[in-house]
Structures are given as C-alpha cells and as structure tokens.
Amino acid sequence: MTRIRDVVQKALAIGYLTVEAENKLRQLLTTRYDLEDFNAFMTLQEAAMTGKVKQESREQCGIK
C-alpha cells in the first residue's frame, strides 16, 4: 500500500508533483495516517510554497 510519505519522497526527489500524485495524496489524506505521513505532507506543502517542488496542476491552469 502506498503511503503519503512515499508520494512525498518521490515529489521531493524529482522536484515535481504530478496531477496523478496530487490525486493520490487527496485519496490518502481521507484515510488514517500517522504522524510521519502528516509531517511528510507538511514538508511537501512548504516545498511547493517555496518553489522547490513545482505542481503540474498549477502549470496546466497557468498559475506560477
């Protein structure tokens, strides 16, 4: 089973969050997750806000 931290680790490694990965995160966030997954998600949020990770969904709608 995929965990939030797995999706986050991949996005951080490549510096890019695909729409598919975003959808997977949405799905995973509706289930029970532990503190490590929560912290990983918060790390991803910070990376996206600071530009370390680009989001495919924002590129598709023209948001930078």
C-alpha atoms as a PDB file:
ATOM      1  CA  MET A   1       0.000   0.000   0.000  1.00  0.00           C
ATOM      2  CA  THR A   2       1.257   3.445  -0.907  1.00  0.00           C
ATOM      3  CA  ARG A   3       1.847   5.844   1.962  1.00  0.00           C
ATOM      4  CA  ILE A   4       1.762   9.632   1.940  1.00  0.00           C
ATOM      5  CA  ARG A   5       5.479   9.742   2.702  1.00  0.00           C
ATOM      6  CA  ASP A   6       6.205   7.621  -0.383  1.00  0.00           C
ATOM      7  CA  VAL A   7       4.392  10.038  -2.682  1.00  0.00           C
ATOM      8  CA  VAL A   8       6.065  12.998  -0.975  1.00  0.00           C
ATOM      9  CA  GLN A   9       9.526  11.447  -1.168  1.00  0.00           C
ATOM     10  CA  LYS A  10       9.183  10.956  -4.917  1.00  0.00           C
ATOM     11  CA  ALA A  11       7.931  14.512  -5.467  1.00  0.00           C
ATOM     12  CA  LEU A  12      10.773  15.959  -3.413  1.00  0.00           C
ATOM     13  CA  ALA A  13      13.340  13.827  -5.235  1.00  0.00           C
ATOM     14  CA  ILE A  14      12.269  14.999  -8.681  1.00  0.00           C
ATOM     15  CA  GLY A  15      11.080  18.460  -7.667  1.00  0.00           C
ATOM     16  CA  TYR A  16       7.727  17.924  -9.324  1.00  0.00           C
ATOM     17  CA  LEU A  17       4.242  16.889  -8.185  1.00  0.00           C
ATOM     18  CA  THR A  18       2.151  15.338 -10.939  1.00  0.00           C
ATOM     19  CA  VAL A  19      -1.621  15.566 -11.110  1.00  0.00           C
ATOM     20  CA  GLU A  20      -1.707  11.815 -10.557  1.00  0.00           C
ATOM     21  CA  ALA A  21       0.373  12.148  -7.380  1.00  0.00           C
ATOM     22  CA  GLU A  22      -1.829  15.017  -6.176  1.00  0.00           C
ATOM     23  CA  ASN A  23      -4.909  12.866  -6.642  1.00  0.00           C
ATOM     24  CA  LYS A  24      -3.243  10.002  -4.788  1.00  0.00           C
ATOM     25  CA  LEU A  25      -2.439  12.356  -1.894  1.00  0.00           C
ATOM     26  CA  ARG A  26      -6.050  13.528  -1.779  1.00  0.00           C
ATOM     27  CA  GLN A  27      -7.166   9.911  -1.569  1.00  0.00           C
ATOM     28  CA  LEU A  28      -4.605   9.012   1.096  1.00  0.00           C
ATOM     29  CA  LEU A  29      -5.483  12.044   3.192  1.00  0.00           C
ATOM     30  CA  THR A  30      -9.043  10.753   3.561  1.00  0.00           C
ATOM     31  CA  THR A  31      -7.754   7.617   5.291  1.00  0.00           C
ATOM     32  CA  ARG A  32      -5.982   7.129   8.592  1.00  0.00           C
ATOM     33  CA  TYR A  33      -2.349   8.178   8.525  1.00  0.00           C
ATOM     34  CA  ASP A  34       0.372   8.546  11.107  1.00  0.00           C
ATOM     35  CA  LEU A  35       2.459  11.484  12.286  1.00  0.00           C
ATOM     36  CA  GLU A  36       5.305  10.636   9.909  1.00  0.00           C
ATOM     37  CA  ASP A  37       2.926  10.889   6.949  1.00  0.00           C
ATOM     38  CA  PHE A  38       1.490  14.135   8.277  1.00  0.00           C
ATOM     39  CA  ASN A  39       4.967  15.617   8.661  1.00  0.00           C
ATOM     40  CA  ALA A  40       5.917  14.477   5.163  1.00  0.00           C
ATOM     41  CA  PHE A  41       2.823  16.177   3.766  1.00  0.00           C
ATOM     42  CA  MET A  42       3.668  19.394   5.588  1.00  0.00           C
ATOM     43  CA  THR A  43       7.206  19.233   4.177  1.00  0.00           C
ATOM     44  CA  LEU A  44       5.740  18.902   0.693  1.00  0.00           C
ATOM     45  CA  GLN A  45       3.458  21.866   1.291  1.00  0.00           C
ATOM     46  CA  GLU A  46       6.414  24.002   2.319  1.00  0.00           C
ATOM     47  CA  ALA A  47       8.456  22.838  -0.684  1.00  0.00           C
ATOM     48  CA  ALA A  48       5.598  23.754  -3.019  1.00  0.00           C
ATOM     49  CA  MET A  49       5.179  27.186  -1.412  1.00  0.00           C
ATOM     50  CA  THR A  50       8.885  27.977  -1.695  1.00  0.00           C
ATOM     51  CA  GLY A  51       9.166  26.717  -5.270  1.00  0.00           C
ATOM     52  CA  LYS A  52      11.316  23.684  -4.517  1.00  0.00           C
ATOM     53  CA  VAL A  53       8.556  21.479  -5.926  1.00  0.00           C
ATOM     54  CA  LYS A  54       6.517  22.508  -8.948  1.00  0.00           C
ATOM     55  CA  GLN A  55       2.925  21.354  -9.339  1.00  0.00           C
ATOM     56  CA  GLU A  56       1.713  20.070 -12.679  1.00  0.00           C
ATOM     57  CA  SER A  57      -1.849  21.164 -11.869  1.00  0.00           C
ATOM     58  CA  ARG A  58      -0.751  24.778 -11.408  1.00  0.00           C
ATOM     59  CA  GLU A  59       1.176  24.731 -14.658  1.00  0.00           C
ATOM     60  CA  GLN A  60      -1.899  23.457 -16.502  1.00  0.00           C
ATOM     61  CA  CYS A  61      -4.040  26.359 -15.337  1.00  0.00           C
ATOM     62  CA  GLY A  62      -1.299  28.972 -15.726  1.00  0.00           C
ATOM     63  CA  ILE A  63      -0.594  29.619 -12.021  1.00  0.00           C
ATOM     64  CA  LYS A  64       3.049  30.029 -11.109  1.00  0.00           C
END
